[in-house]
Every structure is written in C-alpha cells, then in structure tokens.
N, C-alpha and C. Protein backbone atom coordinates (compact mmCIF):
# COMPACT_ATOMS: atom_id res chain seq x y z
N UNK A 1 -19.24 -53.43 159.66
CA UNK A 1 -18.10 -53.37 158.86
C UNK A 1 -17.31 -52.00 158.98
N UNK A 2 -15.63 -52.33 158.88
CA UNK A 2 -15.11 -51.38 159.03
C UNK A 2 -14.10 -51.81 158.25
N UNK A 3 -13.31 -50.58 157.55
CA UNK A 3 -12.20 -50.08 156.79
C UNK A 3 -11.18 -49.64 157.43
N UNK A 4 -9.95 -50.20 157.50
CA UNK A 4 -8.65 -49.97 158.18
C UNK A 4 -7.84 -48.94 157.03
N UNK A 5 -7.59 -47.42 157.70
CA UNK A 5 -7.57 -46.48 157.40
C UNK A 5 -5.43 -46.06 157.04
N UNK A 6 -5.09 -46.22 156.47
CA UNK A 6 -3.66 -45.77 155.90
C UNK A 6 -3.35 -44.32 156.62
N UNK A 7 -2.30 -43.77 157.17
CA UNK A 7 -2.49 -41.94 157.26
C UNK A 7 -1.49 -41.34 156.20
N UNK A 8 -2.52 -41.81 154.81
CA UNK A 8 -2.23 -41.15 153.52
C UNK A 8 -3.44 -40.27 153.09
N UNK A 9 -3.25 -39.06 152.69
CA UNK A 9 -4.50 -38.21 152.11
C UNK A 9 -5.21 -39.53 150.91
N UNK A 10 -4.61 -40.23 150.17
CA UNK A 10 -5.46 -41.12 149.15
C UNK A 10 -6.23 -41.88 149.90
N UNK A 11 -6.33 -42.07 150.72
CA UNK A 11 -7.19 -43.12 151.93
C UNK A 11 -9.00 -42.39 151.57
N UNK A 12 -8.39 -41.32 151.85
CA UNK A 12 -9.35 -40.08 151.81
C UNK A 12 -10.90 -40.76 150.68
N UNK A 13 -10.25 -40.96 149.07
CA UNK A 13 -11.38 -41.58 148.51
C UNK A 13 -11.49 -42.84 148.48
N UNK A 14 -10.76 -43.11 148.62
CA UNK A 14 -11.24 -45.29 149.02
C UNK A 14 -11.91 -45.27 150.07
N UNK A 15 -11.77 -44.84 150.67
CA UNK A 15 -13.53 -44.70 151.99
C UNK A 15 -14.27 -44.01 151.61
N UNK A 16 -14.63 -43.32 150.68
CA UNK A 16 -15.84 -43.15 150.32
C UNK A 16 -16.26 -43.88 149.79
N UNK A 17 -15.13 -43.83 148.27
CA UNK A 17 -15.90 -45.52 147.77
C UNK A 17 -16.78 -46.64 148.09
N UNK A 18 -15.63 -47.22 149.43
CA UNK A 18 -16.27 -47.72 150.32
C UNK A 18 -17.41 -48.10 151.13
N UNK A 19 -17.97 -46.63 151.17
CA UNK A 19 -18.96 -45.94 152.01
C UNK A 19 -20.27 -46.17 150.82
N UNK A 20 -19.97 -45.44 149.35
CA UNK A 20 -20.37 -45.52 148.59
C UNK A 20 -21.31 -47.57 148.58
N UNK A 21 -20.48 -48.18 148.41
CA UNK A 21 -20.44 -49.67 148.09
C UNK A 21 -20.86 -50.07 149.47
N UNK A 22 -20.98 -49.99 150.46
CA UNK A 22 -21.29 -50.56 151.39
C UNK A 22 -23.01 -50.13 151.49
N UNK A 23 -23.34 -48.79 151.24
CA UNK A 23 -24.43 -48.27 151.23
C UNK A 23 -25.76 -48.83 150.03
N UNK A 24 -25.12 -49.07 148.95
CA UNK A 24 -25.49 -49.54 147.76
C UNK A 24 -26.05 -50.67 148.15
N UNK A 25 -25.83 -51.95 148.71
CA UNK A 25 -26.19 -53.44 149.26
C UNK A 25 -27.04 -53.03 150.25
N UNK A 26 -27.48 -51.72 151.55
CA UNK A 26 -28.21 -51.33 152.46
C UNK A 26 -29.64 -51.50 151.97
N UNK A 27 -30.10 -51.02 150.31
CA UNK A 27 -31.13 -50.56 150.38
C UNK A 27 -30.85 -49.00 150.79
N UNK A 28 -30.07 -48.02 151.03
CA UNK A 28 -30.17 -46.62 150.65
C UNK A 28 -29.51 -46.25 149.09
N UNK A 29 -31.00 -46.01 148.96
CA UNK A 29 -30.56 -45.70 147.33
C UNK A 29 -29.34 -44.77 147.27
N UNK A 30 -28.12 -44.85 145.84
CA UNK A 30 -27.13 -43.13 146.11
C UNK A 30 -27.64 -42.25 145.60
N UNK A 31 -28.52 -41.69 145.25
CA UNK A 31 -29.09 -40.48 144.64
C UNK A 31 -29.83 -40.15 146.09
N UNK A 32 -29.81 -40.33 146.93
CA UNK A 32 -30.49 -39.83 148.24
C UNK A 32 -29.91 -39.10 149.28
N UNK A 33 -30.59 -38.04 149.90
CA UNK A 33 -30.07 -36.68 150.81
C UNK A 33 -28.97 -38.03 151.86
N UNK A 34 -29.55 -38.95 152.32
CA UNK A 34 -28.99 -39.97 152.92
C UNK A 34 -27.43 -40.10 152.74
N UNK A 35 -27.51 -40.67 151.59
CA UNK A 35 -26.38 -40.94 151.17
C UNK A 35 -25.10 -39.70 150.62
N UNK A 36 -25.89 -39.00 149.98
CA UNK A 36 -24.57 -37.54 149.83
C UNK A 36 -24.26 -37.53 150.84
N UNK A 37 -25.06 -37.26 151.85
CA UNK A 37 -24.97 -36.30 153.36
C UNK A 37 -23.80 -37.61 153.88
N UNK A 38 -23.74 -38.56 154.20
CA UNK A 38 -23.27 -39.96 154.46
C UNK A 38 -21.84 -39.79 153.97
N UNK A 39 -21.45 -39.52 152.61
CA UNK A 39 -19.98 -39.94 151.93
C UNK A 39 -19.76 -38.54 152.30
N UNK A 40 -20.16 -37.50 152.70
CA UNK A 40 -19.82 -35.88 152.76
C UNK A 40 -18.93 -36.12 154.24
N UNK A 41 -19.86 -36.71 155.56
CA UNK A 41 -19.32 -36.85 156.71
C UNK A 41 -18.04 -38.36 157.08
N UNK A 42 -17.75 -38.94 155.57
CA UNK A 42 -16.61 -40.10 155.96
C UNK A 42 -15.65 -39.31 155.47
N UNK A 43 -15.62 -38.74 154.25
CA UNK A 43 -14.36 -37.53 153.84
C UNK A 43 -14.68 -36.91 154.74
N UNK A 44 -14.97 -36.09 155.41
CA UNK A 44 -15.05 -35.11 157.03
C UNK A 44 -13.87 -35.62 157.96
N UNK A 45 -14.61 -36.77 158.48
CA UNK A 45 -14.36 -37.54 159.30
C UNK A 45 -12.55 -38.32 159.17
N UNK A 46 -13.14 -39.11 158.33
CA UNK A 46 -11.28 -39.72 157.52
C UNK A 46 -10.38 -38.65 157.30
N UNK A 47 -10.76 -37.16 156.98
CA UNK A 47 -9.68 -37.06 156.15
C UNK A 47 -8.86 -35.72 157.66
N UNK A 48 -10.11 -35.76 158.56
CA UNK A 48 -9.55 -35.13 159.91
C UNK A 48 -8.56 -36.68 160.48
N UNK A 49 -8.43 -37.47 160.43
CA UNK A 49 -7.94 -38.80 161.22
C UNK A 49 -7.01 -38.53 160.64
N UNK A 50 -6.72 -38.14 159.18
CA UNK A 50 -5.53 -38.82 158.22
C UNK A 50 -4.67 -37.41 158.44
N UNK A 51 -5.05 -36.25 158.17
CA UNK A 51 -3.96 -34.80 158.48
C UNK A 51 -3.89 -34.24 159.63
N UNK A 52 -4.63 -34.74 160.50
CA UNK A 52 -4.47 -34.09 162.22
C UNK A 52 -3.51 -35.03 163.22
N UNK A 53 -3.46 -36.43 162.32
CA UNK A 53 -3.06 -37.43 163.29
C UNK A 53 -1.92 -37.71 162.90
N UNK A 54 -1.88 -37.97 161.76
CA UNK A 54 -0.51 -38.89 161.13
C UNK A 54 -0.36 -40.51 161.94
N UNK A 55 -1.81 -40.81 161.87
CA UNK A 55 -2.02 -42.21 162.57
C UNK A 55 -2.61 -43.26 161.74
N UNK A 56 -2.47 -44.14 161.79
CA UNK A 56 -3.50 -45.36 161.13
C UNK A 56 -5.05 -45.03 161.90
N UNK A 57 -6.27 -45.50 161.43
CA UNK A 57 -7.32 -45.49 161.76
C UNK A 57 -8.22 -46.24 161.44
N UNK A 58 -9.38 -46.55 162.11
CA UNK A 58 -10.58 -47.52 161.26
C UNK A 58 -11.22 -47.01 161.11
N UNK A 59 -12.98 -47.03 159.87
CA UNK A 59 -13.75 -46.57 159.51
C UNK A 59 -14.44 -47.42 159.80
N UNK A 60 -15.85 -47.08 160.56
CA UNK A 60 -16.73 -48.48 160.65
C UNK A 60 -17.95 -47.61 160.52
N UNK A 61 -19.00 -48.23 159.87
CA UNK A 61 -20.23 -48.00 158.98
C UNK A 61 -21.07 -49.06 159.73
N UNK A 62 -22.12 -48.25 160.61
CA UNK A 62 -23.57 -49.08 161.05
C UNK A 62 -24.49 -48.84 160.41
N UNK A 63 -24.94 -49.63 159.70
CA UNK A 63 -25.86 -49.96 159.20
C UNK A 63 -27.41 -50.35 159.06
N UNK A 64 -28.59 -50.01 159.21
CA UNK A 64 -29.60 -50.77 160.01
C UNK A 64 -30.11 -52.27 159.20
N UNK A 65 -30.71 -52.89 159.59
CA UNK A 65 -30.50 -54.89 159.19
C UNK A 65 -31.35 -54.29 158.44
N UNK A 66 -33.14 -53.45 158.58
CA UNK A 66 -34.05 -53.40 157.26
C UNK A 66 -33.78 -52.09 157.24
N UNK A 67 -33.80 -51.07 155.91
CA UNK A 67 -34.04 -49.73 155.86
C UNK A 67 -35.79 -49.49 156.09
N UNK A 68 -35.68 -48.55 157.33
CA UNK A 68 -36.84 -48.24 157.14
C UNK A 68 -37.13 -46.92 156.97
N UNK A 69 -38.39 -45.89 156.84
CA UNK A 69 -38.44 -44.57 156.75
C UNK A 69 -37.69 -43.58 158.29
N UNK A 70 -37.35 -44.46 159.29
CA UNK A 70 -36.99 -44.03 160.99
C UNK A 70 -35.18 -44.93 160.90
N UNK A 71 -34.80 -45.50 159.86
CA UNK A 71 -33.69 -45.78 160.29
C UNK A 71 -32.32 -44.72 160.16
N UNK A 72 -31.47 -45.02 161.68
CA UNK A 72 -30.52 -44.63 161.39
C UNK A 72 -28.72 -45.19 160.94
N UNK A 73 -28.26 -44.33 160.40
CA UNK A 73 -26.68 -44.64 159.81
C UNK A 73 -26.05 -44.25 160.73
N UNK A 74 -24.77 -45.12 161.74
CA UNK A 74 -23.66 -44.27 162.40
C UNK A 74 -22.86 -44.28 161.86
N UNK A 75 -21.68 -43.67 162.10
CA UNK A 75 -20.22 -43.91 161.43
C UNK A 75 -19.56 -43.28 162.39
N UNK A 76 -18.53 -43.88 162.82
CA UNK A 76 -17.28 -43.96 163.53
C UNK A 76 -16.12 -44.32 162.80
N UNK A 77 -15.36 -42.88 163.46
CA UNK A 77 -13.93 -43.23 163.26
C UNK A 77 -12.28 -43.21 164.18
N UNK A 78 -12.09 -44.59 165.01
CA UNK A 78 -11.10 -44.69 165.68
C UNK A 78 -9.95 -44.06 165.34
N UNK A 79 -8.76 -43.16 165.40
CA UNK A 79 -8.05 -43.37 165.81
C UNK A 79 -7.02 -43.61 167.25
N UNK A 80 -5.46 -43.47 167.06
CA UNK A 80 -4.48 -44.21 167.79
C UNK A 80 -3.81 -42.89 168.59
N UNK A 81 -4.53 -41.34 167.85
CA UNK A 81 -3.68 -40.00 168.95
C UNK A 81 -4.73 -40.33 170.04
N UNK A 82 -3.97 -39.34 170.82
CA UNK A 82 -5.07 -38.90 172.20
C UNK A 82 -4.88 -37.36 171.95
N UNK A 83 -4.84 -36.58 170.59
CA UNK A 83 -5.10 -35.23 170.91
C UNK A 83 -6.88 -35.16 170.73
N UNK A 84 -7.83 -34.65 171.79
CA UNK A 84 -8.45 -34.24 171.07
C UNK A 84 -9.28 -33.25 169.81
N UNK A 85 -10.88 -33.86 169.44
CA UNK A 85 -10.84 -32.50 168.40
C UNK A 85 -11.21 -31.80 168.52
N UNK A 86 -10.47 -30.48 168.26
CA UNK A 86 -11.13 -29.28 168.76
C UNK A 86 -11.46 -28.58 167.03
N UNK A 87 -12.96 -27.74 167.22
CA UNK A 87 -13.66 -27.14 166.36
C UNK A 87 -13.24 -25.77 166.54
N UNK A 88 -12.89 -25.30 164.70
CA UNK A 88 -11.57 -24.01 164.69
C UNK A 88 -13.08 -23.14 164.72
N UNK A 89 -12.62 -21.87 164.88
CA UNK A 89 -13.27 -20.56 163.83
C UNK A 89 -12.11 -20.77 162.64
N UNK A 90 -12.71 -20.00 161.45
CA UNK A 90 -11.57 -19.73 160.39
C UNK A 90 -12.44 -18.78 159.17
N UNK A 91 -11.12 -17.85 159.08
CA UNK A 91 -12.14 -17.36 158.14
C UNK A 91 -12.06 -17.34 156.66
N UNK A 92 -12.95 -16.79 156.38
CA UNK A 92 -13.28 -17.26 154.72
C UNK A 92 -12.28 -17.28 153.81
N UNK A 93 -10.66 -16.96 153.73
CA UNK A 93 -9.82 -16.87 153.10
C UNK A 93 -9.38 -18.20 153.41
N UNK A 94 -8.58 -18.95 154.26
CA UNK A 94 -8.67 -19.96 154.96
C UNK A 94 -9.46 -21.99 154.06
N UNK A 95 -8.07 -21.81 153.94
CA UNK A 95 -8.37 -23.58 153.05
C UNK A 95 -8.74 -24.75 153.96
N UNK A 96 -9.13 -24.28 154.99
CA UNK A 96 -9.20 -25.73 155.60
C UNK A 96 -9.78 -25.33 157.01
N UNK A 97 -10.02 -26.38 158.36
CA UNK A 97 -10.45 -25.97 159.49
C UNK A 97 -12.31 -25.66 159.31
N UNK A 98 -12.54 -25.70 158.50
CA UNK A 98 -13.83 -26.34 158.93
C UNK A 98 -15.26 -27.57 158.87
N UNK A 99 -14.30 -28.66 159.42
CA UNK A 99 -14.37 -30.20 158.80
C UNK A 99 -15.77 -30.36 160.52
N UNK A 100 -15.12 -30.33 161.59
CA UNK A 100 -15.88 -30.39 162.42
C UNK A 100 -17.19 -29.34 162.40
N UNK A 101 -17.19 -28.25 162.51
CA UNK A 101 -18.13 -27.35 161.28
C UNK A 101 -19.71 -28.21 160.78
N UNK A 102 -19.16 -29.06 159.75
CA UNK A 102 -19.63 -29.46 158.89
C UNK A 102 -20.52 -30.89 159.04
N UNK A 103 -19.55 -31.28 160.03
CA UNK A 103 -20.45 -32.24 160.86
C UNK A 103 -20.94 -32.15 161.66
N UNK A 104 -21.20 -30.79 162.94
CA UNK A 104 -22.16 -30.33 163.47
C UNK A 104 -23.12 -30.05 162.88
N UNK A 105 -23.19 -29.45 161.12
CA UNK A 105 -23.95 -28.85 160.54
C UNK A 105 -25.23 -30.60 160.04
N UNK A 106 -24.42 -31.03 159.53
CA UNK A 106 -25.00 -32.03 159.06
C UNK A 106 -25.33 -33.50 159.50
N UNK A 107 -24.62 -33.56 160.65
CA UNK A 107 -25.69 -34.49 161.73
C UNK A 107 -26.19 -34.88 162.23
N UNK A 108 -27.25 -35.49 162.76
CA UNK A 108 -28.27 -35.42 163.26
C UNK A 108 -27.89 -35.24 165.36
N UNK A 109 -26.62 -36.42 165.20
CA UNK A 109 -25.81 -36.18 166.64
C UNK A 109 -24.47 -36.24 166.03
N UNK A 110 -23.09 -36.22 167.40
CA UNK A 110 -22.06 -36.56 166.99
C UNK A 110 -21.38 -35.73 168.31
N UNK A 111 -20.13 -37.10 167.92
CA UNK A 111 -19.54 -36.57 169.52
C UNK A 111 -18.12 -37.50 168.91
N UNK A 112 -17.61 -37.45 170.82
CA UNK A 112 -16.27 -38.22 170.46
C UNK A 112 -15.67 -38.75 172.00
N UNK A 113 -15.24 -39.78 172.09
CA UNK A 113 -15.35 -40.08 173.57
C UNK A 113 -13.04 -40.97 173.47
N UNK A 114 -12.76 -40.50 174.38
CA UNK A 114 -11.35 -41.40 174.37
C UNK A 114 -11.77 -42.86 174.32
N UNK A 115 -11.15 -43.79 173.71
CA UNK A 115 -10.82 -44.88 174.03
C UNK A 115 -9.46 -45.76 173.67
N UNK A 116 -9.39 -46.69 174.73
CA UNK A 116 -7.65 -47.07 174.86
C UNK A 116 -7.20 -45.68 175.02
N UNK A 117 -5.64 -45.75 173.60
CA UNK A 117 -4.65 -44.66 173.95
C UNK A 117 -5.17 -43.42 173.02
N UNK A 118 -5.93 -44.05 172.21
CA UNK A 118 -6.50 -42.40 171.00
C UNK A 118 -8.51 -42.32 171.70
N UNK A 119 -9.05 -42.42 170.24
CA UNK A 119 -9.94 -41.83 170.59
C UNK A 119 -11.18 -41.56 169.31
N UNK A 120 -12.52 -41.91 169.41
CA UNK A 120 -13.61 -41.74 168.44
C UNK A 120 -14.22 -41.07 168.12
N UNK A 121 -14.20 -40.77 166.86
CA UNK A 121 -15.21 -39.75 166.55
C UNK A 121 -16.36 -40.64 165.89
N UNK A 122 -17.58 -40.03 165.99
CA UNK A 122 -18.69 -40.12 165.83
C UNK A 122 -19.71 -39.74 165.39
N UNK A 123 -20.96 -39.71 164.40
CA UNK A 123 -22.42 -39.29 164.05
C UNK A 123 -23.19 -39.98 163.67
N UNK A 124 -24.50 -39.99 163.80
CA UNK A 124 -25.27 -40.12 163.42
C UNK A 124 -25.79 -39.24 162.27
N UNK A 125 -27.16 -40.34 161.34
CA UNK A 125 -28.14 -39.25 160.60
C UNK A 125 -28.94 -40.40 160.48
N UNK A 126 -30.22 -39.66 160.60
CA UNK A 126 -31.36 -40.55 160.87
C UNK A 126 -32.25 -40.37 159.43
N UNK A 127 -32.56 -41.33 158.91
CA UNK A 127 -33.43 -41.27 157.55
C UNK A 127 -34.56 -40.21 157.59
N UNK A 128 -34.69 -40.36 158.18
CA UNK A 128 -36.29 -39.56 158.21
C UNK A 128 -36.18 -38.25 158.21
N UNK A 129 -35.19 -38.09 159.39
CA UNK A 129 -34.53 -36.83 159.38
C UNK A 129 -33.46 -36.00 157.36
N UNK A 130 -32.51 -36.97 157.32
CA UNK A 130 -32.43 -36.68 155.84
C UNK A 130 -33.08 -36.40 155.06
N UNK A 131 -34.59 -36.91 154.89
CA UNK A 131 -35.17 -36.95 154.29
C UNK A 131 -35.75 -35.53 154.38
N UNK A 132 -35.67 -34.68 155.08
CA UNK A 132 -36.53 -33.87 155.56
C UNK A 132 -35.76 -32.53 155.13
N UNK A 133 -34.46 -32.34 155.11
CA UNK A 133 -33.27 -31.67 155.01
C UNK A 133 -33.90 -30.80 153.96
N UNK A 134 -33.51 -29.82 153.84
CA UNK A 134 -33.92 -28.17 153.47
C UNK A 134 -32.85 -28.74 152.24
N UNK A 135 -33.27 -28.57 150.95
CA UNK A 135 -31.90 -28.48 150.15
C UNK A 135 -31.06 -27.95 150.21
N UNK A 136 -29.83 -27.46 149.79
CA UNK A 136 -28.61 -26.07 149.80
C UNK A 136 -28.90 -25.35 148.52
N UNK A 137 -28.52 -24.12 149.17
CA UNK A 137 -29.20 -23.00 148.51
C UNK A 137 -27.60 -22.21 148.42
N UNK A 138 -27.86 -21.63 147.17
CA UNK A 138 -26.22 -20.77 146.88
C UNK A 138 -26.89 -19.66 147.06
N UNK A 139 -26.11 -18.93 148.07
CA UNK A 139 -26.34 -17.36 148.71
C UNK A 139 -25.54 -16.48 147.95
N UNK A 140 -25.48 -15.05 148.32
CA UNK A 140 -25.01 -14.07 147.69
C UNK A 140 -23.14 -14.28 148.02
N UNK A 141 -21.83 -13.83 146.98
CA UNK A 141 -21.32 -14.32 147.61
C UNK A 141 -20.57 -15.48 147.64
N UNK A 142 -21.11 -16.48 146.71
CA UNK A 142 -20.48 -18.44 146.85
C UNK A 142 -21.03 -19.12 148.26
N UNK A 143 -21.69 -18.40 148.75
CA UNK A 143 -21.60 -19.07 150.10
C UNK A 143 -22.89 -20.25 150.04
N UNK A 144 -22.94 -21.38 150.32
CA UNK A 144 -23.74 -22.40 150.30
C UNK A 144 -24.72 -22.37 152.09
N UNK A 145 -26.31 -21.99 151.54
CA UNK A 145 -26.91 -22.60 153.14
C UNK A 145 -27.18 -23.43 153.31
N UNK A 146 -27.36 -24.28 153.95
CA UNK A 146 -28.01 -25.51 154.26
C UNK A 146 -28.26 -25.69 155.99
N UNK A 147 -29.59 -25.38 155.74
CA UNK A 147 -30.59 -25.81 156.98
C UNK A 147 -30.53 -24.27 157.91
N UNK A 148 -29.77 -23.12 157.35
CA UNK A 148 -30.00 -22.04 158.19
C UNK A 148 -28.10 -21.61 158.56
N UNK A 149 -27.18 -22.48 157.78
CA UNK A 149 -26.40 -22.62 158.30
C UNK A 149 -25.34 -22.01 156.91
N UNK A 150 -23.79 -21.44 156.25
CA UNK A 150 -23.61 -21.10 155.88
C UNK A 150 -22.11 -21.43 155.26
N UNK A 151 -22.18 -22.43 154.18
CA UNK A 151 -20.80 -22.59 153.87
C UNK A 151 -19.98 -21.75 152.96
N UNK A 152 -18.45 -22.21 152.60
CA UNK A 152 -18.36 -21.05 151.12
C UNK A 152 -18.02 -22.41 150.66
N UNK A 153 -18.88 -22.83 148.97
CA UNK A 153 -18.39 -23.69 147.85
C UNK A 153 -16.98 -22.89 147.74
N UNK A 154 -16.03 -24.27 147.84
CA UNK A 154 -14.85 -23.28 147.01
C UNK A 154 -14.58 -24.03 145.70
C-alpha cells in the first residue's frame, strides 16, 4: 500500500488519516499502542520529507497478512532528495529538530538507504514489542519520559 505525498505541509494530516484507515482494515485496533505509535511515526517521517526536501514523496505501509502477536509493521518514505537524514541535537526552546530522535526512540528498528536519485527512510514496529512498552509518564518540567527517553510535550 502506498500514498503519494505532495510537498505541502497539509499532506501530513492526510498521511495520518490514510495510515489509520489502513490499520483499521488490518485487524490492528486504533487504540493499540502499535497503532498510536505508527501514526506518530508516519507524522514525523512525512513531515521531514515535506519540510526538509520540498520534493514529492511516497509513503508505504507494509502490514502483515495475518496480524499475530509477533506481527511486524514496516513504514517507508521515499523522496527524490539526495540529502541524507541528519539527526539534530536541539535546545529545549527549539520548535523542531526532534523528528529522528522520536523515530529512534519509538521504532524497534529504523534506517535509510539511497534509492535512485533520492533516498528511503524506513522504520519497523513489532507488535509484541509495542505491547510491552511502558506508557509515557509526565516528568517535572513538562517532559514526557518514554522508555527512558525524555521528550518535551509542547
């Protein structure tokens, strides 16, 4: 399954809705941690493609044929930019720059590769691992701790 993305920030919301509709038909419930995490990852990777490349992109979602406790979901975003993704270290006051840190913290695996004139960024979520994740906890200062990682809730 794939969705073509225009280089327009409004496409991020459309990508999230598309991902939710695909999950609904797969047997993965909308209220599962896996679904919530996947939609957040779609949002981050599509935002990165739209904001940092200014190029069209393609979002792919690979769902297992039979959803079992060990099912793996794979998300890919291809774009035509040859610029490599670069994780950033940002101050607490910055309004952006945390996307790849979120992907790294939430996905079971992620990476990227050159594809033709562009690149592919991918991540995978294991259903059994997602079910074991500890829920987010709000810490002092408005930060959210998720599996030992802290993100500021804005």
